[in-house]
N, C-alpha and C. Protein backbone atom coordinates (compact mmCIF):
# COMPACT_ATOMS: atom_id res chain seq x y z
N UNK A 1 83.39 -5.51 -68.79
CA UNK A 1 82.49 -4.69 -68.28
C UNK A 1 82.02 -5.87 -67.11
N UNK A 2 81.31 -5.15 -65.96
CA UNK A 2 81.05 -5.66 -65.03
C UNK A 2 79.47 -5.87 -64.57
N UNK A 3 79.03 -7.03 -64.48
CA UNK A 3 77.45 -6.69 -63.92
C UNK A 3 77.46 -7.02 -62.48
N UNK A 4 76.74 -5.93 -61.59
CA UNK A 4 76.07 -5.80 -60.25
C UNK A 4 74.84 -6.01 -59.96
N UNK A 5 74.43 -7.38 -59.31
CA UNK A 5 73.06 -6.70 -58.51
C UNK A 5 73.09 -5.92 -57.58
N UNK A 6 71.98 -5.18 -57.42
CA UNK A 6 71.80 -4.23 -56.46
C UNK A 6 71.00 -4.38 -55.55
N UNK A 7 70.60 -4.07 -54.52
CA UNK A 7 69.67 -4.63 -53.42
C UNK A 7 68.38 -4.05 -53.34
N UNK A 8 67.65 -4.44 -53.28
CA UNK A 8 65.95 -3.55 -53.39
C UNK A 8 65.21 -4.22 -51.92
N UNK A 9 63.63 -3.55 -51.79
CA UNK A 9 63.38 -3.77 -51.35
C UNK A 9 62.33 -4.83 -51.72
N UNK A 10 62.01 -4.90 -53.13
CA UNK A 10 61.07 -5.95 -53.50
C UNK A 10 61.27 -7.26 -53.73
N UNK A 11 62.46 -7.84 -54.00
CA UNK A 11 62.53 -9.14 -54.14
C UNK A 11 62.98 -10.19 -52.95
N UNK A 12 62.02 -11.20 -52.53
CA UNK A 12 62.79 -11.75 -51.47
C UNK A 12 64.13 -12.41 -52.11
N UNK A 13 64.75 -12.78 -50.79
CA UNK A 13 65.89 -13.63 -50.64
C UNK A 13 66.16 -14.49 -51.85
N UNK A 14 65.02 -15.59 -51.40
CA UNK A 14 65.34 -16.66 -51.61
C UNK A 14 64.98 -16.58 -54.00
N UNK A 15 64.32 -15.56 -54.17
CA UNK A 15 63.76 -15.47 -55.49
C UNK A 15 65.39 -14.78 -56.22
N UNK A 16 65.87 -13.82 -55.34
CA UNK A 16 67.57 -13.37 -55.88
C UNK A 16 68.31 -14.83 -56.11
N UNK A 17 68.30 -15.75 -55.15
CA UNK A 17 69.15 -17.00 -55.39
C UNK A 17 68.36 -18.01 -56.24
N UNK A 18 67.20 -18.15 -56.54
CA UNK A 18 66.35 -18.99 -57.32
C UNK A 18 67.00 -18.28 -59.39
N UNK A 19 67.24 -16.90 -59.16
CA UNK A 19 67.42 -16.21 -60.37
C UNK A 19 69.14 -16.13 -60.58
N UNK A 20 69.84 -16.20 -59.74
CA UNK A 20 71.53 -16.30 -59.42
C UNK A 20 71.76 -17.76 -60.21
N UNK A 21 71.05 -18.84 -59.80
CA UNK A 21 71.32 -20.05 -59.93
C UNK A 21 70.77 -20.56 -61.29
N UNK A 22 69.44 -19.85 -61.64
CA UNK A 22 68.93 -20.09 -63.41
C UNK A 22 69.85 -19.25 -64.61
N UNK A 23 70.07 -17.82 -64.15
CA UNK A 23 70.89 -17.35 -65.09
C UNK A 23 72.50 -17.20 -65.01
N UNK A 24 72.91 -17.25 -64.13
CA UNK A 24 74.53 -17.29 -63.75
C UNK A 24 75.12 -18.76 -63.44
N UNK A 25 74.31 -19.91 -63.57
CA UNK A 25 74.45 -20.88 -62.98
C UNK A 25 75.27 -21.38 -61.44
N UNK A 26 75.21 -20.53 -61.11
CA UNK A 26 75.90 -20.69 -59.84
C UNK A 26 74.92 -21.78 -58.49
N UNK A 27 75.77 -22.44 -57.91
CA UNK A 27 75.42 -22.92 -56.99
C UNK A 27 74.24 -22.41 -56.05
N UNK A 28 73.66 -23.19 -55.32
CA UNK A 28 72.73 -22.78 -54.43
C UNK A 28 73.88 -21.79 -53.40
N UNK A 29 74.53 -22.31 -52.70
CA UNK A 29 75.04 -21.86 -51.88
C UNK A 29 75.46 -20.68 -52.16
N UNK A 30 76.48 -20.93 -53.44
CA UNK A 30 77.04 -19.53 -53.77
C UNK A 30 76.13 -18.16 -54.29
N UNK A 31 74.75 -18.92 -54.66
CA UNK A 31 73.59 -17.76 -54.70
C UNK A 31 73.08 -17.14 -53.20
N UNK A 32 73.34 -17.91 -52.28
CA UNK A 32 72.74 -17.47 -51.13
C UNK A 32 74.06 -16.59 -50.40
N UNK A 33 75.66 -16.72 -50.47
CA UNK A 33 76.21 -15.51 -50.16
C UNK A 33 76.00 -14.24 -50.81
N UNK A 34 76.04 -14.75 -52.39
CA UNK A 34 75.78 -13.43 -53.03
C UNK A 34 74.90 -12.79 -52.94
N UNK A 35 73.13 -12.84 -52.61
CA UNK A 35 72.20 -12.76 -52.12
C UNK A 35 72.49 -11.85 -50.72
N UNK A 36 73.18 -12.46 -49.91
CA UNK A 36 74.01 -12.19 -48.67
C UNK A 36 74.28 -10.75 -48.53
N UNK A 37 75.58 -10.50 -49.27
CA UNK A 37 76.34 -9.83 -49.49
C UNK A 37 75.11 -8.45 -50.33
N UNK A 38 74.50 -8.81 -51.14
CA UNK A 38 73.78 -7.79 -51.88
C UNK A 38 72.48 -6.98 -51.09
N UNK A 39 72.18 -7.87 -50.07
CA UNK A 39 71.21 -7.58 -48.74
C UNK A 39 72.20 -6.58 -47.83
N UNK A 40 73.27 -7.24 -47.65
CA UNK A 40 74.34 -6.25 -46.48
C UNK A 40 74.97 -5.19 -47.04
N UNK A 41 75.50 -5.19 -48.37
CA UNK A 41 76.02 -3.83 -48.89
C UNK A 41 75.90 -3.50 -49.59
N UNK A 42 74.21 -3.89 -49.99
CA UNK A 42 73.80 -3.14 -51.35
C UNK A 42 74.00 -3.31 -52.55
N UNK A 43 74.93 -4.36 -52.84
CA UNK A 43 75.39 -4.82 -54.11
C UNK A 43 76.21 -5.49 -54.07
N UNK A 44 76.45 -6.71 -55.30
CA UNK A 44 77.43 -7.42 -55.71
C UNK A 44 77.93 -7.89 -56.79
N UNK A 45 78.83 -7.66 -57.37
CA UNK A 45 79.68 -7.89 -58.17
C UNK A 45 79.42 -9.80 -58.74
N UNK A 46 78.55 -9.62 -59.60
CA UNK A 46 78.32 -10.94 -60.33
C UNK A 46 78.88 -12.02 -61.49
N UNK A 47 79.22 -10.79 -62.28
CA UNK A 47 79.73 -11.59 -63.49
C UNK A 47 80.71 -10.46 -64.12
N UNK A 48 81.75 -10.70 -64.49
CA UNK A 48 82.97 -9.96 -65.30
C UNK A 48 83.02 -10.43 -66.52
N UNK A 49 83.17 -10.16 -67.87
CA UNK A 49 83.15 -10.56 -69.02
C UNK A 49 83.42 -9.08 -70.02
N UNK A 50 84.12 -9.91 -71.15
CA UNK A 50 84.43 -8.84 -72.04
C UNK A 50 83.51 -9.24 -72.99
N UNK A 51 83.05 -10.10 -72.85
CA UNK A 51 81.83 -10.45 -73.71
C UNK A 51 80.59 -9.38 -73.72
N UNK A 52 80.15 -8.65 -74.57
CA UNK A 52 79.43 -8.36 -73.96
C UNK A 52 77.65 -7.92 -74.35
N UNK A 53 77.60 -8.64 -75.65
CA UNK A 53 76.65 -9.30 -76.06
C UNK A 53 75.83 -10.31 -74.75
N UNK A 54 77.04 -11.08 -74.26
CA UNK A 54 76.52 -12.54 -73.36
C UNK A 54 75.92 -11.58 -72.32
N UNK A 55 77.07 -10.49 -71.65
CA UNK A 55 76.40 -10.04 -70.28
C UNK A 55 75.40 -9.10 -70.40
N UNK A 56 74.97 -8.60 -71.45
CA UNK A 56 73.68 -7.69 -71.74
C UNK A 56 72.32 -8.75 -71.75
N UNK A 57 72.79 -10.22 -72.42
CA UNK A 57 71.68 -10.89 -71.94
C UNK A 57 71.47 -11.21 -70.66
N UNK A 58 72.40 -11.50 -69.79
CA UNK A 58 71.97 -11.48 -68.20
C UNK A 58 71.34 -10.83 -67.93
N UNK A 59 71.90 -9.79 -68.15
CA UNK A 59 71.20 -8.39 -67.71
C UNK A 59 69.61 -8.47 -68.00
N UNK A 60 69.24 -8.29 -68.72
CA UNK A 60 68.10 -8.46 -69.59
C UNK A 60 66.84 -9.37 -69.39
N UNK A 61 67.64 -10.50 -68.52
CA UNK A 61 67.17 -11.58 -68.31
C UNK A 61 66.55 -11.50 -66.67
N UNK A 62 67.20 -11.22 -65.77
CA UNK A 62 67.40 -10.77 -64.64
C UNK A 62 66.49 -9.72 -64.63
N UNK A 63 66.82 -8.21 -65.33
CA UNK A 63 65.68 -7.42 -65.34
C UNK A 63 64.48 -7.80 -65.13
N UNK A 64 63.99 -8.61 -66.43
CA UNK A 64 62.28 -9.51 -66.49
C UNK A 64 62.51 -9.91 -65.33
N UNK A 65 63.29 -10.71 -64.52
CA UNK A 65 62.42 -11.18 -63.31
C UNK A 65 62.57 -10.31 -62.09
N UNK A 66 62.71 -8.92 -62.58
CA UNK A 66 62.79 -7.65 -60.92
C UNK A 66 63.53 -7.90 -60.38
N UNK A 67 64.86 -8.15 -61.10
CA UNK A 67 65.88 -7.95 -59.87
C UNK A 67 66.38 -6.77 -60.83
N UNK A 68 67.03 -5.68 -59.81
CA UNK A 68 68.00 -4.37 -59.83
C UNK A 68 69.29 -4.71 -60.16
N UNK A 69 70.05 -4.43 -61.34
CA UNK A 69 71.35 -4.38 -61.94
C UNK A 69 71.80 -3.05 -62.17
N UNK A 70 73.27 -3.14 -62.56
CA UNK A 70 74.07 -2.20 -62.93
C UNK A 70 75.23 -2.82 -63.73
N UNK A 71 75.50 -2.41 -64.79
CA UNK A 71 76.39 -2.56 -65.55
C UNK A 71 77.59 -1.50 -65.58
N UNK A 72 78.82 -2.02 -65.37
CA UNK A 72 80.25 -0.84 -65.72
C UNK A 72 80.46 -1.27 -66.69
N UNK A 73 81.41 -0.69 -67.34
CA UNK A 73 82.40 -0.67 -68.63
C UNK A 73 83.98 -0.78 -68.08
């Protein structure tokens, strides 16, 4: 399964970076790179795993933070 963050007009760049750091445990600069990709291309693959329960848990946490996401099987 793949988890993507999708661009929106509601969340600030810094909020997206903080969420990436908090829920995906990525360093600040990686969060900035991901947020930049989301902003410029519309989406970014942020996590890939066969662990559906873990991936859906991250999905739910990020949705509660207001981020827009997509999961692919």
